[in-house]
């Protein structure tokens, strides 16, 4: 009995199918690598504030849900491509329609997914928008191209623009109310480690509350294109202990501190008047 050697055409066909399959499997992996997806944060910061951490967990939930749904959809596409690939010109797969149980499943399940994601979003947004009582208030003013931070009831002030980076000082484990305004154009108040961004709009007062749980210095910047020097419109957020915060405020009550605060307030006033239309 003689064995018939495999035809070169058959081997080439199998090799082509194998290459296509490897290419299809490589696509989702390449997408993850190119997107720089970092697990388990999915590119977000864990955050040092209470509300920022809630936003972080919401982002994780959305990312996991998207990965599960996307992976399931990809598997269905691959199964369909491989199962019903053309084998001959005349072969037509058996046609099926009006499969009521299946149609109910793929209609009802997405509705429940959307409701769940919507409910989770509402809960987190309510936490972010909450305005708990507090005695610590900071006025943050944005202008082209810098920031001014003042503290109602105190002489403390921090002003800087372009080559100068002002610092917003706040106490740890304390509700801090920020009153955000803009002097001239649309700006963005963004602190990446807090997972927080809010518009600074001319003529509009935006208020929000932070409660930082760890001390440290965090990076902030304008997140909306606002003109020539937008790219260097930075600021810092320095979270200190209660005692350090009180001591810092006290430095502005000395004669030298009051003089420095007066000069900074005048500089802020000049910046604002220079950009008021």
Protein backbone atom coordinates (compact mmCIF):
# COMPACT_ATOMS: atom_id res chain seq x y z
CA UNK A 1 0.00 0.00 0.00
CA UNK A 2 1.44 3.29 -1.05
CA UNK A 3 0.96 6.45 0.97
CA UNK A 4 0.12 9.53 -1.06
CA UNK A 5 2.30 12.43 -0.01
CA UNK A 6 0.44 15.60 0.92
CA UNK A 7 0.07 17.99 -1.97
CA UNK A 8 2.07 21.22 -1.87
CA UNK A 9 -1.14 23.16 -2.47
CA UNK A 10 -2.76 21.67 0.67
CA UNK A 11 0.27 22.48 2.82
CA UNK A 12 0.34 26.05 1.53
CA UNK A 13 -3.38 26.45 2.20
CA UNK A 14 -2.98 25.25 5.79
CA UNK A 15 -0.04 27.59 6.30
CA UNK A 16 -2.04 30.55 5.03
CA UNK A 17 -4.91 29.72 7.40
CA UNK A 18 -2.45 29.41 10.28
CA UNK A 19 -0.95 32.81 9.49
CA UNK A 20 -4.38 34.42 9.33
CA UNK A 21 -5.35 32.88 12.67
CA UNK A 22 -2.14 34.13 14.31
CA UNK A 23 -2.79 37.57 12.89
CA UNK A 24 -6.32 37.65 14.26
CA UNK A 25 -5.14 36.59 17.72
CA UNK A 26 -2.33 39.16 17.66
CA UNK A 27 -4.72 42.08 16.99
CA UNK A 28 -6.20 42.40 20.51
CA UNK A 29 -2.79 41.90 22.11
CA UNK A 30 -1.28 44.59 19.89
CA UNK A 31 -4.14 46.95 20.77
CA UNK A 32 -3.46 46.49 24.50
CA UNK A 33 0.27 47.06 24.08
CA UNK A 34 -0.11 50.12 21.84
CA UNK A 35 -2.68 51.64 24.20
CA UNK A 36 -0.27 51.30 27.11
CA UNK A 37 -2.94 49.61 29.18
CA UNK A 38 -1.64 49.17 32.71
CA UNK A 39 -3.41 46.65 34.92
CA UNK A 40 -5.27 46.89 37.22
CA UNK A 41 -5.48 50.70 37.00
CA UNK A 42 -6.18 50.79 33.24
CA UNK A 43 -4.16 54.02 33.00
CA UNK A 44 -5.88 55.91 35.84
CA UNK A 45 -4.43 57.06 39.15
CA UNK A 46 -5.50 55.40 42.40
CA UNK A 47 -5.92 58.94 43.76
CA UNK A 48 -5.15 60.54 47.08
CA UNK A 49 -8.64 61.94 47.67
CA UNK A 50 -11.83 60.20 48.77
CA UNK A 51 -13.82 61.23 45.69
CA UNK A 52 -10.89 60.59 43.38
CA UNK A 53 -10.66 57.01 44.62
CA UNK A 54 -14.37 56.51 43.90
CA UNK A 55 -13.75 57.78 40.36
CA UNK A 56 -10.82 55.38 40.08
CA UNK A 57 -12.97 52.39 41.06
CA UNK A 58 -15.69 53.50 38.62
CA UNK A 59 -13.09 53.64 35.83
CA UNK A 60 -11.90 50.16 36.76
CA UNK A 61 -15.46 48.83 36.59
CA UNK A 62 -16.09 50.41 33.20
CA UNK A 63 -12.78 49.06 31.86
CA UNK A 64 -13.44 45.51 33.09
CA UNK A 65 -16.97 45.58 31.64
CA UNK A 66 -15.63 46.87 28.33
CA UNK A 67 -12.93 44.17 28.25
CA UNK A 68 -15.44 41.38 28.95
CA UNK A 69 -17.96 42.62 26.38
CA UNK A 70 -15.27 43.33 23.79
CA UNK A 71 -13.62 39.94 24.33
CA UNK A 72 -16.94 38.11 24.04
CA UNK A 73 -17.79 40.03 20.86
CA UNK A 74 -14.37 39.23 19.39
CA UNK A 75 -14.81 35.53 20.14
CA UNK A 76 -18.20 35.54 18.39
CA UNK A 77 -16.67 37.22 15.34
CA UNK A 78 -13.78 34.76 15.20
CA UNK A 79 -16.11 31.79 15.66
CA UNK A 80 -18.34 33.05 12.84
CA UNK A 81 -15.39 33.66 10.53
CA UNK A 82 -13.91 30.20 11.13
CA UNK A 83 -17.15 28.24 11.38
CA UNK A 84 -18.83 29.67 8.31
CA UNK A 85 -15.89 30.35 6.07
CA UNK A 86 -16.60 29.41 2.46
CA UNK A 87 -15.78 25.78 1.69
CA UNK A 88 -17.28 25.59 -1.78
CA UNK A 89 -19.07 27.87 -4.17
CA UNK A 90 -22.47 26.22 -3.78
CA UNK A 91 -22.47 25.50 -0.02
CA UNK A 92 -24.81 27.87 1.83
CA UNK A 93 -25.14 27.54 5.63
CA UNK A 94 -28.56 26.70 7.00
CA UNK A 95 -30.47 29.95 7.53
CA UNK A 96 -32.06 30.58 10.94
CA UNK A 97 -34.19 33.56 11.92
CA UNK A 98 -36.61 34.62 14.62
CA UNK A 99 -34.89 32.76 17.44
CA UNK A 100 -36.97 34.40 20.18
CA UNK A 101 -35.07 33.19 23.30
CA UNK A 102 -31.73 34.24 21.81
CA UNK A 103 -33.09 37.62 20.75
CA UNK A 104 -34.46 38.22 24.24
CA UNK A 105 -31.07 37.36 25.77
CA UNK A 106 -29.02 39.72 23.61
CA UNK A 107 -31.59 42.50 24.10
CA UNK A 108 -32.20 42.26 27.85
CA UNK A 109 -28.60 41.68 28.98
CA UNK A 110 -27.24 44.91 27.37
CA UNK A 111 -30.11 46.86 28.93
CA UNK A 112 -29.16 45.61 32.41
CA UNK A 113 -25.48 46.39 31.73
CA UNK A 114 -26.31 49.98 30.74
CA UNK A 115 -28.57 50.41 33.79
CA UNK A 116 -25.82 49.10 36.08
CA UNK A 117 -23.17 51.40 34.62
CA UNK A 118 -25.54 54.36 34.76
CA UNK A 119 -26.42 53.70 38.42
CA UNK A 120 -22.74 53.37 39.39
CA UNK A 121 -21.98 56.64 37.59
CA UNK A 122 -24.77 58.48 39.42
CA UNK A 123 -23.52 57.24 42.81
CA UNK A 124 -19.94 58.39 42.11
CA UNK A 125 -21.03 61.72 40.64
CA UNK A 126 -23.11 62.42 43.75
CA UNK A 127 -20.00 61.84 45.87
CA UNK A 128 -17.90 64.14 43.68
CA UNK A 129 -20.56 66.88 43.65
CA UNK A 130 -21.30 66.68 47.39
CA UNK A 131 -20.68 69.86 49.38
CA UNK A 132 -19.97 68.88 53.01
CA UNK A 133 -19.62 71.66 55.56
CA UNK A 134 -16.11 73.01 55.98
CA UNK A 135 -14.23 76.01 57.34
CA UNK A 136 -11.37 75.69 54.84
CA UNK A 137 -12.01 77.62 51.62
CA UNK A 138 -9.57 78.35 48.79
CA UNK A 139 -10.28 80.73 45.94
CA UNK A 140 -8.58 79.55 42.74
CA UNK A 141 -8.43 82.04 39.87
CA UNK A 142 -7.19 81.13 36.39
CA UNK A 143 -5.86 83.68 33.91
CA UNK A 144 -3.63 83.72 30.84
CA UNK A 145 -1.36 82.00 31.73
CA UNK A 146 -1.21 81.34 35.43
CA UNK A 147 -3.02 80.78 38.69
CA UNK A 148 -3.78 82.70 41.85
CA UNK A 149 -4.78 81.06 45.13
CA UNK A 150 -6.20 83.09 48.02
CA UNK A 151 -7.61 82.02 51.38
CA UNK A 152 -10.68 83.97 52.59
CA UNK A 153 -10.22 85.15 56.19
CA UNK A 154 -6.44 84.86 55.91
CA UNK A 155 -3.65 86.87 54.28
CA UNK A 156 -2.18 83.79 52.59
CA UNK A 157 -1.82 83.99 48.83
CA UNK A 158 0.11 82.22 46.08
CA UNK A 159 0.40 83.63 42.54
CA UNK A 160 2.41 82.50 39.54
CA UNK A 161 2.39 82.35 35.77
CA UNK A 162 4.39 80.75 32.93
CA UNK A 163 7.90 80.57 34.47
CA UNK A 164 6.52 80.55 38.04
CA UNK A 165 4.52 77.65 39.46
CA UNK A 166 2.17 78.67 42.31
CA UNK A 167 1.26 76.23 45.06
CA UNK A 168 -2.18 75.58 46.51
CA UNK A 169 -1.67 74.47 50.12
CA UNK A 170 -4.37 72.42 51.85
CA UNK A 171 -4.60 70.36 55.06
CA UNK A 172 -4.85 66.57 55.04
CA UNK A 173 -7.97 64.68 56.20
CA UNK A 174 -10.04 67.87 55.95
CA UNK A 175 -12.85 68.89 53.64
CA UNK A 176 -11.46 71.72 51.52
CA UNK A 177 -13.85 73.85 49.45
CA UNK A 178 -12.33 75.22 46.22
CA UNK A 179 -14.04 78.17 44.52
CA UNK A 180 -12.88 78.22 40.90
CA UNK A 181 -13.11 81.24 38.58
CA UNK A 182 -11.56 82.46 35.34
CA UNK A 183 -10.56 86.01 34.48
CA UNK A 184 -10.43 85.83 30.72
CA UNK A 185 -10.99 82.65 28.70
CA UNK A 186 -11.87 79.00 29.23
CA UNK A 187 -9.29 77.17 31.36
CA UNK A 188 -9.17 73.69 32.88
CA UNK A 189 -8.32 72.93 36.53
CA UNK A 190 -6.77 69.47 36.39
CA UNK A 191 -4.96 67.49 39.10
CA UNK A 192 -3.96 64.11 37.72
CA UNK A 193 -3.27 62.37 41.06
CA UNK A 194 -6.73 63.42 42.25
CA UNK A 195 -8.48 62.08 39.11
CA UNK A 196 -10.17 65.47 38.92
CA UNK A 197 -10.79 68.04 36.20
CA UNK A 198 -13.15 71.01 36.17
CA UNK A 199 -13.69 73.93 33.79
CA UNK A 200 -12.76 77.45 34.86
CA UNK A 201 -15.28 79.58 32.96
CA UNK A 202 -15.43 83.37 32.66
CA UNK A 203 -18.43 84.68 34.59
CA UNK A 204 -19.12 81.30 36.20
CA UNK A 205 -18.23 80.20 39.74
CA UNK A 206 -17.54 76.49 40.11
CA UNK A 207 -17.33 74.97 43.59
CA UNK A 208 -16.10 71.54 44.64
CA UNK A 209 -14.61 69.82 47.66
CA UNK A 210 -11.45 67.79 48.15
CA UNK A 211 -10.54 65.56 51.07
CA UNK A 212 -6.96 64.38 50.70
CA UNK A 213 -5.93 61.34 52.73
CA UNK A 214 -2.16 61.57 52.25
CA UNK A 215 0.36 64.36 52.53
CA UNK A 216 2.57 65.20 49.58
CA UNK A 217 2.96 67.49 46.58
CA UNK A 218 0.85 66.84 43.50
CA UNK A 219 1.00 68.18 39.95
CA UNK A 220 -1.71 70.37 38.43
CA UNK A 221 -2.13 72.08 35.11
CA UNK A 222 -4.54 73.79 32.74
CA UNK A 223 -6.24 71.11 30.65
CA UNK A 224 -7.95 73.36 28.06
CA UNK A 225 -6.13 75.08 25.21
CA UNK A 226 -6.23 78.72 26.32
CA UNK A 227 -3.61 80.49 24.25
CA UNK A 228 0.09 80.85 23.55
CA UNK A 229 1.54 79.64 26.88
CA UNK A 230 -1.11 77.08 27.76
CA UNK A 231 1.49 74.29 27.76
CA UNK A 232 3.34 75.78 30.77
CA UNK A 233 0.32 76.87 32.81
CA UNK A 234 1.16 74.66 35.79
CA UNK A 235 0.47 74.70 39.51
CA UNK A 236 1.14 72.45 42.50
CA UNK A 237 -1.08 71.14 45.26
CA UNK A 238 0.73 70.66 48.57
CA UNK A 239 -1.13 68.60 51.17
CA UNK A 240 0.27 69.10 54.69
CA UNK A 241 -0.69 68.17 58.23
CA UNK A 242 -3.13 70.32 60.21
CA UNK A 243 -0.29 71.76 62.30
CA UNK A 244 1.80 72.56 59.23
CA UNK A 245 -1.18 74.23 57.58
CA UNK A 246 -1.84 76.43 60.60
CA UNK A 247 1.86 77.33 60.80
CA UNK A 248 1.91 78.19 57.08
CA UNK A 249 -1.08 80.51 57.45
CA UNK A 250 0.59 82.16 60.44
CA UNK A 251 3.66 83.09 58.37
CA UNK A 252 1.49 85.57 56.45
CA UNK A 253 0.45 87.35 59.65
CA UNK A 254 3.95 88.57 60.42
CA UNK A 255 5.06 92.00 59.11
CA UNK A 256 7.24 90.37 56.47
CA UNK A 257 4.52 87.90 55.56
CA UNK A 258 1.92 90.66 55.22
CA UNK A 259 4.25 92.65 52.98
CA UNK A 260 4.83 89.58 50.78
CA UNK A 261 1.10 88.86 50.68
CA UNK A 262 0.35 92.47 49.73
CA UNK A 263 2.88 92.34 46.89
CA UNK A 264 1.45 89.01 45.66
CA UNK A 265 -2.10 90.37 45.85
CA UNK A 266 -1.07 93.39 43.81
CA UNK A 267 0.60 91.12 41.25
CA UNK A 268 -2.58 89.05 41.01
CA UNK A 269 -4.65 92.22 40.63
CA UNK A 270 -2.41 93.40 37.80
CA UNK A 271 -2.64 90.03 36.07
CA UNK A 272 -6.43 90.08 36.31
CA UNK A 273 -6.77 93.68 35.12
CA UNK A 274 -4.39 93.02 32.23
CA UNK A 275 -6.63 90.27 30.89
CA UNK A 276 -10.09 91.66 31.57
CA UNK A 277 -11.63 92.51 28.18
